[in-house]
Amino acid sequence: MPDEDVPLWELIRTAHVVARGFHRVFARAGLTATGFGVLAELADRERTGGPPPSQAELARIVLLRPQSVGELVTDLVARGLVRRDGPGGRGRRAGLELTDDGRAALERARPLVQGFSAPEAIGLDAGRTAELTAMLRTVRETLAAAED
């Protein structure tokens, strides 16, 4: 397969390298990738005035099972990064909001994430980085739609 053009195999190989790099990036910020994803989603919802996400929505966003998101949310609450406004539960709105500590953790992580993802850090110029982002989004959405 090394001589063949198999883009999704190349994507898998690249994803492993990227995941290892992000693991180091998020560790420096005291987070995990999924924890960052939850905090970023809550911040986006706050910024846009959207309703708090349900556990099922968070699961889709951070690519976890709803049960795993429950454990993640429990950990984030225990660490004081998010606050729960009500019981939440299966399929119900979690009623989560960022705390000041959660916002601070997110702000520590953002520049690290941006630096790791910067065009010069990944060997591309700005134009090719935008193309890559658009292509990856198209592949992800196409394959996800085929699963439904």
N, C-alpha and C. Protein backbone atom coordinates (compact mmCIF):
# COMPACT_ATOMS: atom_id res chain seq x y z
N MET A 1 0.79 -1.20 0.00
CA MET A 1 0.00 0.00 0.00
C MET A 1 0.84 1.28 0.00
N PRO A 2 2.09 1.27 0.41
CA PRO A 2 2.85 2.52 0.48
C PRO A 2 2.92 3.28 -0.84
N ASP A 3 2.94 2.58 -1.98
CA ASP A 3 3.06 3.26 -3.26
C ASP A 3 1.70 3.68 -3.84
N GLU A 4 0.63 3.20 -3.24
CA GLU A 4 -0.70 3.51 -3.75
C GLU A 4 -1.20 4.83 -3.17
N ASP A 5 -2.13 5.45 -3.89
CA ASP A 5 -2.79 6.65 -3.40
C ASP A 5 -4.04 6.22 -2.65
N VAL A 6 -3.93 6.07 -1.33
CA VAL A 6 -5.05 5.66 -0.48
C VAL A 6 -5.23 6.76 0.57
N PRO A 7 -5.99 7.79 0.21
CA PRO A 7 -6.05 8.96 1.09
C PRO A 7 -6.56 8.70 2.49
N LEU A 8 -7.52 7.83 2.66
CA LEU A 8 -8.04 7.62 4.01
C LEU A 8 -7.05 6.85 4.88
N TRP A 9 -6.24 6.00 4.26
CA TRP A 9 -5.18 5.34 5.04
C TRP A 9 -4.14 6.38 5.46
N GLU A 10 -3.82 7.29 4.58
CA GLU A 10 -2.89 8.37 4.91
C GLU A 10 -3.48 9.24 6.02
N LEU A 11 -4.78 9.46 5.97
CA LEU A 11 -5.46 10.24 6.99
C LEU A 11 -5.36 9.56 8.36
N ILE A 12 -5.55 8.25 8.39
CA ILE A 12 -5.43 7.50 9.65
C ILE A 12 -4.02 7.62 10.22
N ARG A 13 -3.04 7.44 9.37
CA ARG A 13 -1.64 7.54 9.82
C ARG A 13 -1.36 8.94 10.36
N THR A 14 -1.85 9.94 9.66
CA THR A 14 -1.64 11.33 10.09
C THR A 14 -2.40 11.60 11.38
N ALA A 15 -3.60 11.07 11.50
CA ALA A 15 -4.42 11.29 12.70
C ALA A 15 -3.70 10.79 13.95
N HIS A 16 -2.98 9.69 13.84
CA HIS A 16 -2.25 9.17 15.00
C HIS A 16 -1.16 10.14 15.43
N VAL A 17 -0.44 10.69 14.48
CA VAL A 17 0.62 11.65 14.79
C VAL A 17 0.02 12.92 15.41
N VAL A 18 -1.06 13.39 14.81
CA VAL A 18 -1.74 14.60 15.30
C VAL A 18 -2.28 14.36 16.71
N ALA A 19 -2.88 13.21 16.95
CA ALA A 19 -3.44 12.90 18.27
C ALA A 19 -2.35 12.90 19.34
N ARG A 20 -1.19 12.33 19.03
CA ARG A 20 -0.08 12.35 19.99
C ARG A 20 0.35 13.79 20.28
N GLY A 21 0.42 14.60 19.25
CA GLY A 21 0.79 16.00 19.44
C GLY A 21 -0.23 16.76 20.27
N PHE A 22 -1.51 16.55 19.97
CA PHE A 22 -2.54 17.22 20.74
C PHE A 22 -2.56 16.74 22.19
N HIS A 23 -2.24 15.48 22.41
CA HIS A 23 -2.17 14.97 23.79
C HIS A 23 -1.15 15.79 24.58
N ARG A 24 0.01 16.05 23.97
CA ARG A 24 1.03 16.86 24.64
C ARG A 24 0.56 18.31 24.83
N VAL A 25 -0.08 18.87 23.80
CA VAL A 25 -0.58 20.25 23.87
C VAL A 25 -1.59 20.40 25.01
N PHE A 26 -2.57 19.51 25.06
CA PHE A 26 -3.60 19.63 26.07
C PHE A 26 -3.06 19.34 27.46
N ALA A 27 -2.09 18.44 27.58
CA ALA A 27 -1.48 18.16 28.88
C ALA A 27 -0.82 19.43 29.44
N ARG A 28 -0.19 20.21 28.57
CA ARG A 28 0.43 21.47 29.01
C ARG A 28 -0.62 22.43 29.57
N ALA A 29 -1.85 22.35 29.06
CA ALA A 29 -2.93 23.22 29.52
C ALA A 29 -3.74 22.59 30.65
N GLY A 30 -3.39 21.36 31.05
CA GLY A 30 -4.12 20.69 32.12
C GLY A 30 -5.47 20.13 31.69
N LEU A 31 -5.60 19.84 30.39
CA LEU A 31 -6.86 19.33 29.85
C LEU A 31 -6.61 18.07 29.03
N THR A 32 -7.70 17.47 28.59
CA THR A 32 -7.66 16.43 27.57
C THR A 32 -8.31 17.01 26.32
N ALA A 33 -8.18 16.31 25.22
CA ALA A 33 -8.81 16.78 23.98
C ALA A 33 -10.32 16.86 24.15
N THR A 34 -10.91 15.85 24.77
CA THR A 34 -12.37 15.86 24.93
C THR A 34 -12.80 16.92 25.94
N GLY A 35 -12.01 17.12 26.99
CA GLY A 35 -12.31 18.18 27.94
C GLY A 35 -12.26 19.54 27.27
N PHE A 36 -11.24 19.76 26.44
CA PHE A 36 -11.15 21.00 25.67
C PHE A 36 -12.38 21.16 24.77
N GLY A 37 -12.79 20.06 24.12
CA GLY A 37 -13.95 20.10 23.23
C GLY A 37 -15.21 20.52 23.96
N VAL A 38 -15.41 20.00 25.16
CA VAL A 38 -16.59 20.36 25.95
C VAL A 38 -16.51 21.83 26.36
N LEU A 39 -15.36 22.25 26.87
CA LEU A 39 -15.22 23.65 27.30
C LEU A 39 -15.41 24.60 26.12
N ALA A 40 -14.84 24.26 24.97
CA ALA A 40 -14.98 25.11 23.78
C ALA A 40 -16.43 25.18 23.32
N GLU A 41 -17.14 24.06 23.36
CA GLU A 41 -18.55 24.07 22.97
C GLU A 41 -19.39 24.91 23.92
N LEU A 42 -19.13 24.79 25.21
CA LEU A 42 -19.87 25.60 26.18
C LEU A 42 -19.57 27.08 25.98
N ALA A 43 -18.32 27.42 25.71
CA ALA A 43 -17.96 28.82 25.46
C ALA A 43 -18.64 29.33 24.20
N ASP A 44 -18.68 28.51 23.15
CA ASP A 44 -19.35 28.92 21.91
C ASP A 44 -20.84 29.15 22.15
N ARG A 45 -21.46 28.26 22.92
CA ARG A 45 -22.89 28.42 23.21
C ARG A 45 -23.15 29.68 24.03
N GLU A 46 -22.26 29.96 24.98
CA GLU A 46 -22.39 31.20 25.76
C GLU A 46 -22.29 32.41 24.86
N ARG A 47 -21.29 32.39 23.98
CA ARG A 47 -21.02 33.53 23.10
C ARG A 47 -22.19 33.79 22.16
N THR A 48 -22.81 32.72 21.66
CA THR A 48 -23.89 32.87 20.69
C THR A 48 -25.28 32.90 21.33
N GLY A 49 -25.33 32.67 22.65
CA GLY A 49 -26.62 32.67 23.33
C GLY A 49 -27.41 31.40 23.10
N GLY A 50 -26.75 30.35 22.65
CA GLY A 50 -27.43 29.07 22.42
C GLY A 50 -27.73 28.35 23.71
N PRO A 51 -28.64 27.38 23.66
CA PRO A 51 -28.98 26.62 24.87
C PRO A 51 -27.84 25.67 25.24
N PRO A 52 -27.73 25.31 26.51
CA PRO A 52 -26.71 24.34 26.88
C PRO A 52 -26.96 23.01 26.17
N PRO A 53 -25.91 22.32 25.78
CA PRO A 53 -26.10 21.06 25.05
C PRO A 53 -26.53 19.92 25.96
N SER A 54 -27.23 18.96 25.35
CA SER A 54 -27.53 17.72 26.07
C SER A 54 -26.26 16.86 26.05
N GLN A 55 -26.25 15.82 26.88
CA GLN A 55 -25.11 14.90 26.87
C GLN A 55 -24.96 14.23 25.51
N ALA A 56 -26.08 13.93 24.86
CA ALA A 56 -26.02 13.30 23.53
C ALA A 56 -25.37 14.25 22.53
N GLU A 57 -25.72 15.54 22.60
CA GLU A 57 -25.09 16.52 21.70
C GLU A 57 -23.60 16.63 21.97
N LEU A 58 -23.24 16.70 23.25
CA LEU A 58 -21.81 16.76 23.59
C LEU A 58 -21.09 15.52 23.09
N ALA A 59 -21.72 14.37 23.21
CA ALA A 59 -21.11 13.13 22.74
C ALA A 59 -20.80 13.21 21.25
N ARG A 60 -21.75 13.70 20.47
CA ARG A 60 -21.52 13.84 19.02
C ARG A 60 -20.39 14.82 18.73
N ILE A 61 -20.35 15.91 19.48
CA ILE A 61 -19.35 16.95 19.24
C ILE A 61 -17.94 16.47 19.57
N VAL A 62 -17.78 15.78 20.69
CA VAL A 62 -16.45 15.35 21.11
C VAL A 62 -16.16 13.89 20.76
N LEU A 63 -17.06 13.28 20.01
CA LEU A 63 -16.86 11.92 19.48
C LEU A 63 -16.70 10.87 20.57
N LEU A 64 -17.59 10.93 21.56
CA LEU A 64 -17.62 9.94 22.63
C LEU A 64 -19.02 9.35 22.74
N ARG A 65 -19.13 8.25 23.49
CA ARG A 65 -20.44 7.70 23.82
C ARG A 65 -21.07 8.60 24.89
N PRO A 66 -22.39 8.72 24.91
CA PRO A 66 -23.03 9.55 25.94
C PRO A 66 -22.62 9.19 27.36
N GLN A 67 -22.44 7.90 27.65
CA GLN A 67 -22.03 7.49 28.98
C GLN A 67 -20.65 8.05 29.32
N SER A 68 -19.74 8.04 28.35
CA SER A 68 -18.40 8.57 28.58
C SER A 68 -18.43 10.07 28.79
N VAL A 69 -19.34 10.75 28.09
CA VAL A 69 -19.48 12.19 28.29
C VAL A 69 -19.95 12.45 29.72
N GLY A 70 -20.83 11.62 30.23
CA GLY A 70 -21.29 11.78 31.61
C GLY A 70 -20.12 11.73 32.58
N GLU A 71 -19.21 10.78 32.36
CA GLU A 71 -18.03 10.67 33.22
C GLU A 71 -17.13 11.89 33.05
N LEU A 72 -16.98 12.35 31.82
CA LEU A 72 -16.15 13.52 31.54
C LEU A 72 -16.74 14.75 32.22
N VAL A 73 -18.05 14.94 32.10
CA VAL A 73 -18.70 16.10 32.73
C VAL A 73 -18.54 16.03 34.24
N THR A 74 -18.71 14.85 34.81
CA THR A 74 -18.53 14.69 36.26
C THR A 74 -17.13 15.12 36.67
N ASP A 75 -16.13 14.74 35.88
CA ASP A 75 -14.75 15.13 36.17
C ASP A 75 -14.56 16.64 36.05
N LEU A 76 -15.12 17.24 34.98
CA LEU A 76 -14.99 18.69 34.79
C LEU A 76 -15.67 19.46 35.92
N VAL A 77 -16.81 18.95 36.39
CA VAL A 77 -17.50 19.58 37.52
C VAL A 77 -16.64 19.45 38.77
N ALA A 78 -16.10 18.27 39.03
CA ALA A 78 -15.27 18.05 40.21
C ALA A 78 -14.02 18.93 40.20
N ARG A 79 -13.51 19.21 39.02
CA ARG A 79 -12.32 20.06 38.91
C ARG A 79 -12.66 21.54 38.94
N GLY A 80 -13.96 21.86 38.97
CA GLY A 80 -14.38 23.25 39.05
C GLY A 80 -14.32 23.99 37.73
N LEU A 81 -14.28 23.26 36.61
CA LEU A 81 -14.19 23.90 35.30
C LEU A 81 -15.56 24.19 34.71
N VAL A 82 -16.56 23.41 35.11
CA VAL A 82 -17.94 23.66 34.69
C VAL A 82 -18.84 23.53 35.91
N ARG A 83 -20.00 24.11 35.79
CA ARG A 83 -21.01 24.06 36.85
C ARG A 83 -22.28 23.48 36.23
N ARG A 84 -22.97 22.65 36.98
CA ARG A 84 -24.20 22.03 36.51
C ARG A 84 -25.40 22.79 37.09
N ASP A 85 -26.32 23.17 36.21
CA ASP A 85 -27.54 23.88 36.64
C ASP A 85 -28.72 22.93 36.53
N GLY A 86 -28.83 22.03 37.43
CA GLY A 86 -29.93 21.07 37.37
C GLY A 86 -29.40 19.67 37.19
N PRO A 87 -30.32 18.70 37.17
CA PRO A 87 -29.92 17.30 37.16
C PRO A 87 -29.43 16.77 35.82
N GLY A 88 -29.80 17.38 34.70
CA GLY A 88 -29.42 16.81 33.41
C GLY A 88 -29.94 15.40 33.30
N GLY A 89 -29.18 14.52 32.67
CA GLY A 89 -29.59 13.13 32.55
C GLY A 89 -29.74 12.74 31.10
N ARG A 90 -30.16 11.52 30.90
CA ARG A 90 -30.22 10.93 29.57
C ARG A 90 -31.12 11.74 28.63
N GLY A 91 -30.49 12.32 27.60
CA GLY A 91 -31.22 13.04 26.58
C GLY A 91 -31.70 14.42 26.99
N ARG A 92 -31.55 14.75 28.27
CA ARG A 92 -31.99 16.07 28.73
C ARG A 92 -30.82 17.04 28.67
N ARG A 93 -31.14 18.31 28.62
CA ARG A 93 -30.11 19.34 28.64
C ARG A 93 -29.30 19.20 29.90
N ALA A 94 -27.99 19.27 29.74
CA ALA A 94 -27.12 19.08 30.89
C ALA A 94 -27.11 20.29 31.81
N GLY A 95 -27.51 21.46 31.31
CA GLY A 95 -27.49 22.65 32.13
C GLY A 95 -26.09 23.00 32.60
N LEU A 96 -25.12 22.85 31.72
CA LEU A 96 -23.74 23.12 32.08
C LEU A 96 -23.35 24.53 31.69
N GLU A 97 -22.50 25.12 32.51
CA GLU A 97 -21.94 26.41 32.13
C GLU A 97 -20.49 26.45 32.60
N LEU A 98 -19.71 27.25 31.91
CA LEU A 98 -18.31 27.41 32.27
C LEU A 98 -18.18 28.18 33.57
N THR A 99 -17.21 27.81 34.37
CA THR A 99 -16.84 28.61 35.54
C THR A 99 -15.69 29.52 35.12
N ASP A 100 -15.29 30.41 36.01
CA ASP A 100 -14.13 31.25 35.72
C ASP A 100 -12.88 30.39 35.51
N ASP A 101 -12.75 29.31 36.30
CA ASP A 101 -11.60 28.41 36.12
C ASP A 101 -11.67 27.70 34.77
N GLY A 102 -12.88 27.35 34.33
CA GLY A 102 -13.05 26.72 33.02
C GLY A 102 -12.65 27.66 31.90
N ARG A 103 -13.06 28.93 32.01
CA ARG A 103 -12.68 29.93 31.01
C ARG A 103 -11.16 30.11 30.99
N ALA A 104 -10.56 30.14 32.18
CA ALA A 104 -9.10 30.30 32.25
C ALA A 104 -8.39 29.11 31.61
N ALA A 105 -8.87 27.91 31.86
CA ALA A 105 -8.26 26.72 31.26
C ALA A 105 -8.38 26.77 29.74
N LEU A 106 -9.54 27.19 29.26
CA LEU A 106 -9.76 27.30 27.82
C LEU A 106 -8.83 28.36 27.23
N GLU A 107 -8.68 29.46 27.91
CA GLU A 107 -7.79 30.53 27.41
C GLU A 107 -6.33 30.11 27.45
N ARG A 108 -5.94 29.26 28.39
CA ARG A 108 -4.57 28.71 28.40
C ARG A 108 -4.36 27.78 27.22
N ALA A 109 -5.39 27.01 26.88
CA ALA A 109 -5.26 26.00 25.83
C ALA A 109 -5.33 26.59 24.42
N ARG A 110 -6.16 27.60 24.22
CA ARG A 110 -6.38 28.12 22.86
C ARG A 110 -5.09 28.50 22.13
N PRO A 111 -4.20 29.29 22.71
CA PRO A 111 -2.99 29.64 21.97
C PRO A 111 -2.10 28.43 21.68
N LEU A 112 -2.12 27.45 22.56
CA LEU A 112 -1.34 26.23 22.32
C LEU A 112 -1.92 25.45 21.14
N VAL A 113 -3.25 25.37 21.09
CA VAL A 113 -3.93 24.68 19.99
C VAL A 113 -3.68 25.43 18.69
N GLN A 114 -3.80 26.75 18.73
CA GLN A 114 -3.57 27.55 17.53
C GLN A 114 -2.12 27.42 17.05
N GLY A 115 -1.18 27.41 17.97
CA GLY A 115 0.23 27.25 17.59
C GLY A 115 0.50 25.89 16.97
N PHE A 116 -0.07 24.85 17.55
CA PHE A 116 0.12 23.49 17.02
C PHE A 116 -0.50 23.35 15.64
N SER A 117 -1.58 24.09 15.40
CA SER A 117 -2.31 24.00 14.13
C SER A 117 -1.89 25.04 13.11
N ALA A 118 -0.97 25.90 13.47
CA ALA A 118 -0.56 27.00 12.58
C ALA A 118 0.03 26.44 11.28
N PRO A 119 -0.19 27.13 10.17
CA PRO A 119 0.33 26.65 8.88
C PRO A 119 1.82 26.29 8.93
N GLU A 120 2.63 27.15 9.51
CA GLU A 120 4.07 26.87 9.55
C GLU A 120 4.40 25.65 10.41
N ALA A 121 3.56 25.36 11.40
CA ALA A 121 3.80 24.20 12.26
C ALA A 121 3.46 22.89 11.56
N ILE A 122 2.60 22.95 10.54
CA ILE A 122 2.20 21.72 9.84
C ILE A 122 2.76 21.66 8.42
N GLY A 123 3.68 22.56 8.11
CA GLY A 123 4.38 22.49 6.83
C GLY A 123 3.59 22.99 5.63
N LEU A 124 2.61 23.85 5.85
CA LEU A 124 1.79 24.37 4.77
C LEU A 124 1.75 25.88 4.83
N ASP A 125 1.36 26.51 3.72
CA ASP A 125 1.09 27.95 3.78
C ASP A 125 -0.39 28.13 4.14
N ALA A 126 -0.78 29.38 4.36
CA ALA A 126 -2.15 29.66 4.81
C ALA A 126 -3.20 29.17 3.81
N GLY A 127 -2.94 29.34 2.53
CA GLY A 127 -3.90 28.90 1.50
C GLY A 127 -4.10 27.39 1.50
N ARG A 128 -2.99 26.67 1.57
CA ARG A 128 -3.10 25.20 1.57
C ARG A 128 -3.71 24.68 2.88
N THR A 129 -3.46 25.41 3.97
CA THR A 129 -4.08 25.03 5.24
C THR A 129 -5.59 25.18 5.15
N ALA A 130 -6.05 26.26 4.55
CA ALA A 130 -7.50 26.46 4.38
C ALA A 130 -8.08 25.37 3.48
N GLU A 131 -7.37 25.02 2.41
CA GLU A 131 -7.83 23.94 1.52
C GLU A 131 -7.91 22.62 2.27
N LEU A 132 -6.86 22.32 3.04
CA LEU A 132 -6.85 21.07 3.81
C LEU A 132 -8.03 21.02 4.77
N THR A 133 -8.27 22.11 5.48
CA THR A 133 -9.39 22.16 6.41
C THR A 133 -10.70 21.90 5.69
N ALA A 134 -10.90 22.55 4.56
CA ALA A 134 -12.13 22.37 3.80
C ALA A 134 -12.27 20.93 3.30
N MET A 135 -11.18 20.36 2.82
CA MET A 135 -11.24 18.98 2.32
C MET A 135 -11.53 18.00 3.44
N LEU A 136 -10.87 18.16 4.58
CA LEU A 136 -11.11 17.26 5.71
C LEU A 136 -12.56 17.36 6.19
N ARG A 137 -13.08 18.57 6.23
CA ARG A 137 -14.47 18.76 6.64
C ARG A 137 -15.41 18.04 5.67
N THR A 138 -15.14 18.16 4.38
CA THR A 138 -15.97 17.50 3.36
C THR A 138 -15.92 15.98 3.52
N VAL A 139 -14.72 15.44 3.72
CA VAL A 139 -14.58 13.99 3.89
C VAL A 139 -15.34 13.53 5.14
N ARG A 140 -15.15 14.25 6.25
CA ARG A 140 -15.83 13.87 7.50
C ARG A 140 -17.34 13.92 7.33
N GLU A 141 -17.87 15.00 6.75
CA GLU A 141 -19.32 15.13 6.59
C GLU A 141 -19.88 14.09 5.63
N THR A 142 -19.15 13.79 4.56
CA THR A 142 -19.61 12.80 3.59
C THR A 142 -19.66 11.41 4.21
N LEU A 143 -18.60 11.03 4.92
CA LEU A 143 -18.57 9.71 5.53
C LEU A 143 -19.58 9.60 6.68
N ALA A 144 -19.76 10.68 7.44
CA ALA A 144 -20.75 10.66 8.52
C ALA A 144 -22.16 10.52 7.96
N ALA A 145 -22.44 11.21 6.87
CA ALA A 145 -23.77 11.12 6.25
C ALA A 145 -24.03 9.71 5.72
N ALA A 146 -23.00 9.05 5.24
CA ALA A 146 -23.15 7.69 4.72
C ALA A 146 -23.47 6.69 5.84
N GLU A 147 -23.07 7.03 7.08
CA GLU A 147 -23.36 6.16 8.23
C GLU A 147 -24.83 6.22 8.63
N ASP A 148 -25.46 7.36 8.39
CA ASP A 148 -26.85 7.56 8.83
C ASP A 148 -27.84 6.80 8.01
